[in-house]
N, C-alpha and C. Protein backbone atom coordinates (compact mmCIF):
# COMPACT_ATOMS: atom_id res chain seq x y z
N UNK A 1 -18.24 2.94 13.33
CA UNK A 1 -18.18 4.39 13.81
C UNK A 1 -17.22 4.28 14.92
N UNK A 2 -15.98 5.39 14.67
CA UNK A 2 -15.26 5.64 15.50
C UNK A 2 -15.40 7.36 16.08
N UNK A 3 -15.68 7.70 16.93
CA UNK A 3 -15.74 8.92 17.62
C UNK A 3 -14.37 9.19 18.52
N UNK A 4 -13.75 10.38 17.81
CA UNK A 4 -12.94 10.78 19.19
C UNK A 4 -13.15 12.03 20.15
N UNK A 5 -12.81 11.64 21.30
CA UNK A 5 -13.78 12.61 22.32
C UNK A 5 -12.83 12.84 23.30
N UNK A 6 -12.87 13.54 24.64
CA UNK A 6 -12.05 13.69 25.65
C UNK A 6 -13.50 14.03 27.01
N UNK A 7 -12.53 13.96 27.91
CA UNK A 7 -13.77 13.72 29.35
C UNK A 7 -14.15 15.25 29.51
N UNK A 8 -12.80 16.59 28.84
CA UNK A 8 -13.66 18.00 29.17
C UNK A 8 -14.07 18.44 28.20
N UNK A 9 -14.34 17.89 26.76
CA UNK A 9 -15.37 18.12 25.86
C UNK A 9 -16.76 17.90 25.93
N UNK A 10 -17.46 19.12 26.47
CA UNK A 10 -19.06 19.38 26.69
C UNK A 10 -19.36 18.63 25.32
N UNK A 11 -18.93 19.23 24.04
CA UNK A 11 -19.63 18.80 23.24
C UNK A 11 -19.47 17.24 22.68
N UNK A 12 -18.41 16.38 23.07
CA UNK A 12 -18.10 15.12 22.58
C UNK A 12 -18.84 14.40 23.70
N UNK A 13 -19.35 14.57 24.94
CA UNK A 13 -20.04 13.93 25.96
C UNK A 13 -21.41 13.91 25.41
N UNK A 14 -21.88 15.15 25.11
CA UNK A 14 -23.23 15.39 24.40
C UNK A 14 -23.78 14.55 23.31
N UNK A 15 -22.52 14.48 22.34
CA UNK A 15 -22.64 13.42 21.19
C UNK A 15 -22.97 11.90 21.29
N UNK A 16 -22.07 11.77 22.42
CA UNK A 16 -21.63 10.51 22.74
C UNK A 16 -22.78 9.91 23.65
N UNK A 17 -23.37 10.83 24.04
CA UNK A 17 -25.02 10.55 25.24
C UNK A 17 -26.10 10.06 24.46
N UNK A 18 -25.83 11.15 23.08
CA UNK A 18 -27.51 11.13 21.88
C UNK A 18 -27.26 10.29 21.54
N UNK A 19 -25.93 9.50 20.65
CA UNK A 19 -25.61 8.12 19.89
C UNK A 19 -26.17 7.03 20.75
N UNK A 20 -25.55 7.04 21.97
CA UNK A 20 -25.63 5.70 23.09
C UNK A 20 -27.38 5.55 23.01
N UNK A 21 -28.10 6.55 23.51
CA UNK A 21 -29.71 6.44 23.22
C UNK A 21 -30.02 5.38 21.75
N UNK A 22 -29.87 5.94 20.58
CA UNK A 22 -30.25 5.01 19.45
C UNK A 22 -29.34 3.75 19.18
N UNK A 23 -27.91 3.54 20.05
CA UNK A 23 -26.89 2.77 19.58
C UNK A 23 -27.63 1.66 19.14
N UNK A 24 -28.24 0.83 20.47
CA UNK A 24 -28.97 -0.12 19.77
C UNK A 24 -30.08 -0.33 18.20
N UNK A 25 -30.65 0.73 18.56
CA UNK A 25 -31.33 0.86 16.86
C UNK A 25 -30.50 0.77 16.01
N UNK A 26 -29.57 1.74 15.70
CA UNK A 26 -28.31 1.65 14.84
C UNK A 26 -28.30 0.38 14.45
N UNK A 27 -27.74 -0.34 15.93
CA UNK A 27 -27.19 -1.75 15.29
C UNK A 27 -28.09 -2.88 14.59
N UNK A 28 -29.24 -2.30 15.04
CA UNK A 28 -30.15 -3.81 14.49
C UNK A 28 -30.21 -3.12 12.66
N UNK A 29 -30.81 -1.81 12.56
CA UNK A 29 -31.23 -1.66 12.00
C UNK A 29 -29.74 -1.52 10.66
N UNK A 30 -28.62 -1.10 10.77
CA UNK A 30 -27.48 -1.14 9.54
C UNK A 30 -26.14 -1.36 10.40
N UNK A 31 -26.30 -2.47 11.35
CA UNK A 31 -25.54 -3.32 11.52
C UNK A 31 -24.07 -2.38 12.44
N UNK A 32 -24.18 -1.43 12.73
CA UNK A 32 -23.19 -0.52 13.13
C UNK A 32 -22.29 -0.60 14.33
N UNK A 33 -21.13 -0.21 14.57
CA UNK A 33 -20.54 -0.48 15.82
C UNK A 33 -19.69 0.63 16.34
N UNK A 34 -19.66 1.19 17.53
CA UNK A 34 -19.19 2.22 17.88
C UNK A 34 -18.19 2.19 18.63
N UNK A 35 -16.49 2.46 18.33
CA UNK A 35 -15.73 2.70 19.41
C UNK A 35 -15.24 3.85 19.35
N UNK A 36 -15.59 4.54 20.97
CA UNK A 36 -15.21 5.88 21.52
C UNK A 36 -13.71 5.89 21.34
N UNK A 37 -13.21 6.54 20.75
CA UNK A 37 -11.23 6.78 21.73
C UNK A 37 -11.16 8.19 21.84
N UNK A 38 -11.16 7.72 23.64
CA UNK A 38 -10.80 9.34 24.10
C UNK A 38 -8.96 9.31 23.93
N UNK A 39 -9.14 11.20 23.84
CA UNK A 39 -7.90 11.89 23.50
C UNK A 39 -7.46 12.67 24.71
N UNK A 40 -7.90 11.77 26.20
CA UNK A 40 -7.52 12.12 27.46
C UNK A 40 -5.64 12.20 27.37
N UNK A 41 -5.23 13.05 27.75
CA UNK A 41 -3.78 13.28 28.03
C UNK A 41 -3.09 12.25 29.35
N UNK A 42 -1.92 11.87 28.93
CA UNK A 42 -1.94 11.04 30.19
C UNK A 42 -2.20 11.52 31.99
N UNK A 43 -2.27 12.91 31.99
CA UNK A 43 -2.66 13.59 33.01
C UNK A 43 -4.33 13.71 33.34
N UNK A 44 -4.85 13.14 32.23
CA UNK A 44 -6.22 12.73 32.65
C UNK A 44 -7.00 11.48 32.43
N UNK A 45 -5.94 10.64 31.95
CA UNK A 45 -6.44 9.62 31.53
C UNK A 45 -7.01 8.14 32.72
N UNK A 46 -6.59 8.39 33.85
CA UNK A 46 -6.88 7.46 34.73
C UNK A 46 -8.46 8.31 34.79
N UNK A 47 -9.12 9.27 34.48
CA UNK A 47 -10.35 9.77 34.71
C UNK A 47 -11.34 9.24 33.95
N UNK A 48 -10.82 8.65 32.76
CA UNK A 48 -11.50 8.11 31.28
C UNK A 48 -12.65 6.89 31.94
N UNK A 49 -12.50 5.52 32.49
CA UNK A 49 -13.27 4.90 32.99
C UNK A 49 -13.74 4.89 33.68
N UNK A 50 -13.81 5.47 34.80
CA UNK A 50 -14.89 5.77 35.67
C UNK A 50 -15.50 6.82 35.49
N UNK A 51 -15.62 8.13 34.34
CA UNK A 51 -16.33 8.74 33.42
C UNK A 51 -17.11 7.74 32.41
N UNK A 52 -16.75 7.06 31.78
CA UNK A 52 -17.53 6.18 31.08
C UNK A 52 -18.03 5.47 31.54
N UNK A 53 -18.07 4.58 33.07
CA UNK A 53 -18.97 3.92 33.57
C UNK A 53 -19.87 4.59 34.15
N UNK A 54 -19.73 5.83 34.43
CA UNK A 54 -20.69 6.80 35.22
C UNK A 54 -21.86 7.40 34.36
N UNK A 55 -20.79 7.04 33.11
CA UNK A 55 -22.17 7.39 31.99
C UNK A 55 -23.20 6.33 31.21
N UNK A 56 -22.97 5.28 31.82
CA UNK A 56 -23.77 3.78 31.23
C UNK A 56 -23.20 3.67 29.81
N UNK A 57 -22.50 4.12 29.06
CA UNK A 57 -21.88 3.86 27.70
C UNK A 57 -21.91 2.34 28.04
N UNK A 58 -22.33 1.95 26.82
CA UNK A 58 -21.75 -0.14 26.53
C UNK A 58 -21.17 -0.72 25.34
N UNK A 59 -20.69 0.87 24.75
CA UNK A 59 -19.94 0.73 23.73
C UNK A 59 -18.14 0.70 24.00
N UNK A 60 -17.52 0.44 23.22
CA UNK A 60 -15.97 0.12 23.18
C UNK A 60 -15.58 1.56 23.48
N UNK A 61 -15.00 1.99 24.40
CA UNK A 61 -13.65 2.82 24.73
C UNK A 61 -12.17 2.41 24.74
N UNK A 62 -11.56 3.27 23.85
CA UNK A 62 -10.29 2.75 23.77
C UNK A 62 -9.50 4.49 23.98
N UNK A 63 -8.11 4.24 24.73
CA UNK A 63 -7.54 5.58 25.03
C UNK A 63 -6.47 5.86 23.81
N UNK A 64 -6.53 6.67 23.39
CA UNK A 64 -5.21 7.14 22.50
C UNK A 64 -4.49 8.95 23.19
N UNK A 65 -3.74 7.80 24.42
CA UNK A 65 -3.32 9.17 25.27
C UNK A 65 -2.40 10.25 24.67
N UNK A 66 -1.24 9.64 23.29
CA UNK A 66 -0.60 10.47 22.83
C UNK A 66 -1.14 11.18 21.75
N UNK A 67 -2.26 10.78 21.28
CA UNK A 67 -3.05 10.87 20.32
C UNK A 67 -2.31 10.84 18.63
N UNK A 68 -1.52 9.05 18.50
CA UNK A 68 -1.01 9.09 17.44
C UNK A 68 -1.99 8.74 16.47
N UNK A 69 -3.48 8.00 16.85
CA UNK A 69 -4.56 7.82 16.11
C UNK A 69 -4.90 9.40 15.70
N UNK A 70 -5.41 10.00 16.74
CA UNK A 70 -6.04 11.16 16.09
C UNK A 70 -5.23 11.95 14.96
N UNK A 71 -3.98 11.81 14.83
CA UNK A 71 -3.01 12.75 13.95
C UNK A 71 -3.08 11.77 12.47
N UNK A 72 -3.05 10.34 12.76
CA UNK A 72 -3.18 9.68 11.68
C UNK A 72 -4.51 10.02 10.88
N UNK A 73 -5.15 10.08 11.43
CA UNK A 73 -6.96 10.65 10.81
C UNK A 73 -6.77 11.86 10.51
N UNK A 74 -5.60 12.59 10.92
CA UNK A 74 -5.20 13.97 10.44
C UNK A 74 -6.70 14.75 10.64
N UNK A 75 -7.42 14.86 12.29
CA UNK A 75 -7.66 15.79 12.70
C UNK A 75 -7.29 16.60 13.85
N UNK A 76 -7.63 18.07 13.77
CA UNK A 76 -7.27 18.87 14.70
C UNK A 76 -8.29 18.90 15.89
N UNK A 77 -9.20 18.55 15.76
CA UNK A 77 -10.22 19.06 16.82
C UNK A 77 -11.40 17.73 17.08
N UNK A 78 -11.96 17.80 18.29
CA UNK A 78 -12.97 16.84 18.65
C UNK A 78 -13.91 17.85 18.99
N UNK A 79 -15.26 16.87 18.88
CA UNK A 79 -15.49 15.81 18.75
C UNK A 79 -15.18 15.68 17.11
N UNK A 80 -14.89 14.46 16.26
CA UNK A 80 -14.44 14.32 15.46
C UNK A 80 -14.67 12.48 15.04
N UNK A 81 -15.60 12.56 14.23
CA UNK A 81 -16.83 11.39 13.98
C UNK A 81 -16.36 10.44 12.91
N UNK A 82 -15.85 9.34 12.95
CA UNK A 82 -15.24 8.94 11.29
C UNK A 82 -16.58 7.35 11.09
N UNK A 83 -17.13 7.09 9.81
CA UNK A 83 -18.06 6.31 9.23
C UNK A 83 -16.71 5.33 8.42
N UNK A 84 -16.51 3.96 8.52
CA UNK A 84 -16.11 3.35 7.96
C UNK A 84 -17.12 2.35 7.32
N UNK A 85 -16.89 1.81 5.63
CA UNK A 85 -17.74 0.74 5.57
C UNK A 85 -18.02 -0.58 6.11
N UNK A 86 -18.31 -1.65 5.41
CA UNK A 86 -17.32 -2.97 6.56
C UNK A 86 -15.94 -3.31 5.28
N UNK A 87 -15.75 -2.81 4.21
CA UNK A 87 -14.30 -3.30 3.94
C UNK A 87 -13.22 -1.73 4.68
N UNK A 88 -13.42 -1.46 5.88
CA UNK A 88 -12.71 -0.43 6.33
C UNK A 88 -12.59 0.87 5.61
N UNK A 89 -13.05 1.27 4.37
CA UNK A 89 -12.81 2.44 3.81
C UNK A 89 -13.79 3.48 4.23
N UNK A 90 -13.39 4.71 4.73
CA UNK A 90 -13.61 5.75 5.79
C UNK A 90 -15.00 6.27 4.59
N UNK A 91 -16.18 6.16 4.79
CA UNK A 91 -17.12 7.09 4.15
C UNK A 91 -17.62 8.52 4.53
N UNK A 92 -17.74 8.41 5.90
CA UNK A 92 -17.53 9.42 6.09
C UNK A 92 -16.89 10.65 7.12
N UNK A 93 -16.80 11.42 7.66
CA UNK A 93 -16.00 12.33 8.57
C UNK A 93 -17.36 13.30 8.84
N UNK A 94 -16.69 13.72 10.15
CA UNK A 94 -17.42 15.10 10.59
C UNK A 94 -16.77 15.40 11.82
N UNK A 95 -16.50 16.80 12.04
CA UNK A 95 -16.63 17.50 13.35
C UNK A 95 -17.26 18.68 13.48
N UNK A 96 -17.05 18.31 15.04
CA UNK A 96 -17.80 19.10 16.08
C UNK A 96 -19.05 18.71 16.46
N UNK A 97 -20.30 19.32 16.80
CA UNK A 97 -21.43 18.63 17.11
C UNK A 97 -22.47 19.81 17.81
N UNK A 98 -23.47 19.24 17.27
CA UNK A 98 -24.46 20.81 17.45
C UNK A 98 -25.41 19.66 18.09
N UNK A 99 -26.97 19.98 18.70
CA UNK A 99 -27.85 18.96 18.91
C UNK A 99 -28.55 18.55 17.56
N UNK A 100 -28.85 17.48 17.34
CA UNK A 100 -29.21 16.85 16.28
C UNK A 100 -28.73 16.65 15.06
N UNK A 101 -27.19 16.61 15.27
CA UNK A 101 -26.64 15.71 14.52
C UNK A 101 -26.48 14.25 14.09
N UNK A 102 -26.99 13.66 15.16
CA UNK A 102 -26.75 12.13 15.00
C UNK A 102 -28.03 11.93 14.06
N UNK A 103 -29.17 12.85 13.51
CA UNK A 103 -29.98 12.64 12.69
C UNK A 103 -29.05 12.82 11.16
N UNK A 104 -28.75 13.89 10.56
CA UNK A 104 -27.94 13.54 9.66
C UNK A 104 -26.44 12.58 9.68
N UNK A 105 -26.33 12.19 10.77
CA UNK A 105 -25.48 10.77 10.98
C UNK A 105 -26.25 9.88 10.67
N UNK A 106 -27.56 9.55 10.82
CA UNK A 106 -28.29 8.70 10.82
C UNK A 106 -28.71 8.38 9.48
N UNK A 107 -28.86 9.63 8.78
CA UNK A 107 -29.19 9.63 7.58
C UNK A 107 -28.01 9.02 6.55
N UNK A 108 -26.59 9.58 7.07
CA UNK A 108 -25.54 8.92 6.16
C UNK A 108 -25.21 7.43 6.18
N UNK A 109 -26.08 6.99 7.58
CA UNK A 109 -25.92 5.49 8.14
C UNK A 109 -26.55 4.73 6.88
N UNK A 110 -27.80 5.27 6.73
CA UNK A 110 -28.91 4.84 5.74
C UNK A 110 -28.45 4.52 4.30
N UNK A 111 -27.58 5.84 4.13
CA UNK A 111 -27.48 5.93 2.59
C UNK A 111 -26.22 4.91 2.56
N UNK A 112 -25.46 4.55 3.35
CA UNK A 112 -24.26 3.57 3.36
C UNK A 112 -24.70 1.88 3.21
N UNK A 113 -25.89 1.41 4.07
CA UNK A 113 -26.50 0.77 4.31
C UNK A 113 -27.26 0.45 3.27
N UNK A 114 -27.51 1.09 2.22
CA UNK A 114 -28.48 0.88 1.22
C UNK A 114 -29.89 0.84 1.68
N UNK A 115 -30.40 1.78 2.67
CA UNK A 115 -31.77 1.67 3.15
C UNK A 115 -32.44 3.12 2.90
């Protein structure tokens, strides 16, 4: 799973915090890995690592300073979540976040995993 986010995006932070709470369970149940991709620009990029460390997030966080990956994924807004299957095929995308979206995301993970 790839989640595009930024330090200034409150819905992004809430989504990643909520997913972080269930991530260990999801890893066991569905074999999922999460990579968060920060779209913070060059001006804010130095804030990303300290921010991630302060949140206690234990998933991989990468930088997309020029937003090349975000553009390649054809998304204009964040948060943007992409779920890939084991072959790397995109099987689900979701833009935005409201409290509880992680429940729908887990339902999608269940169906992908065949559970």
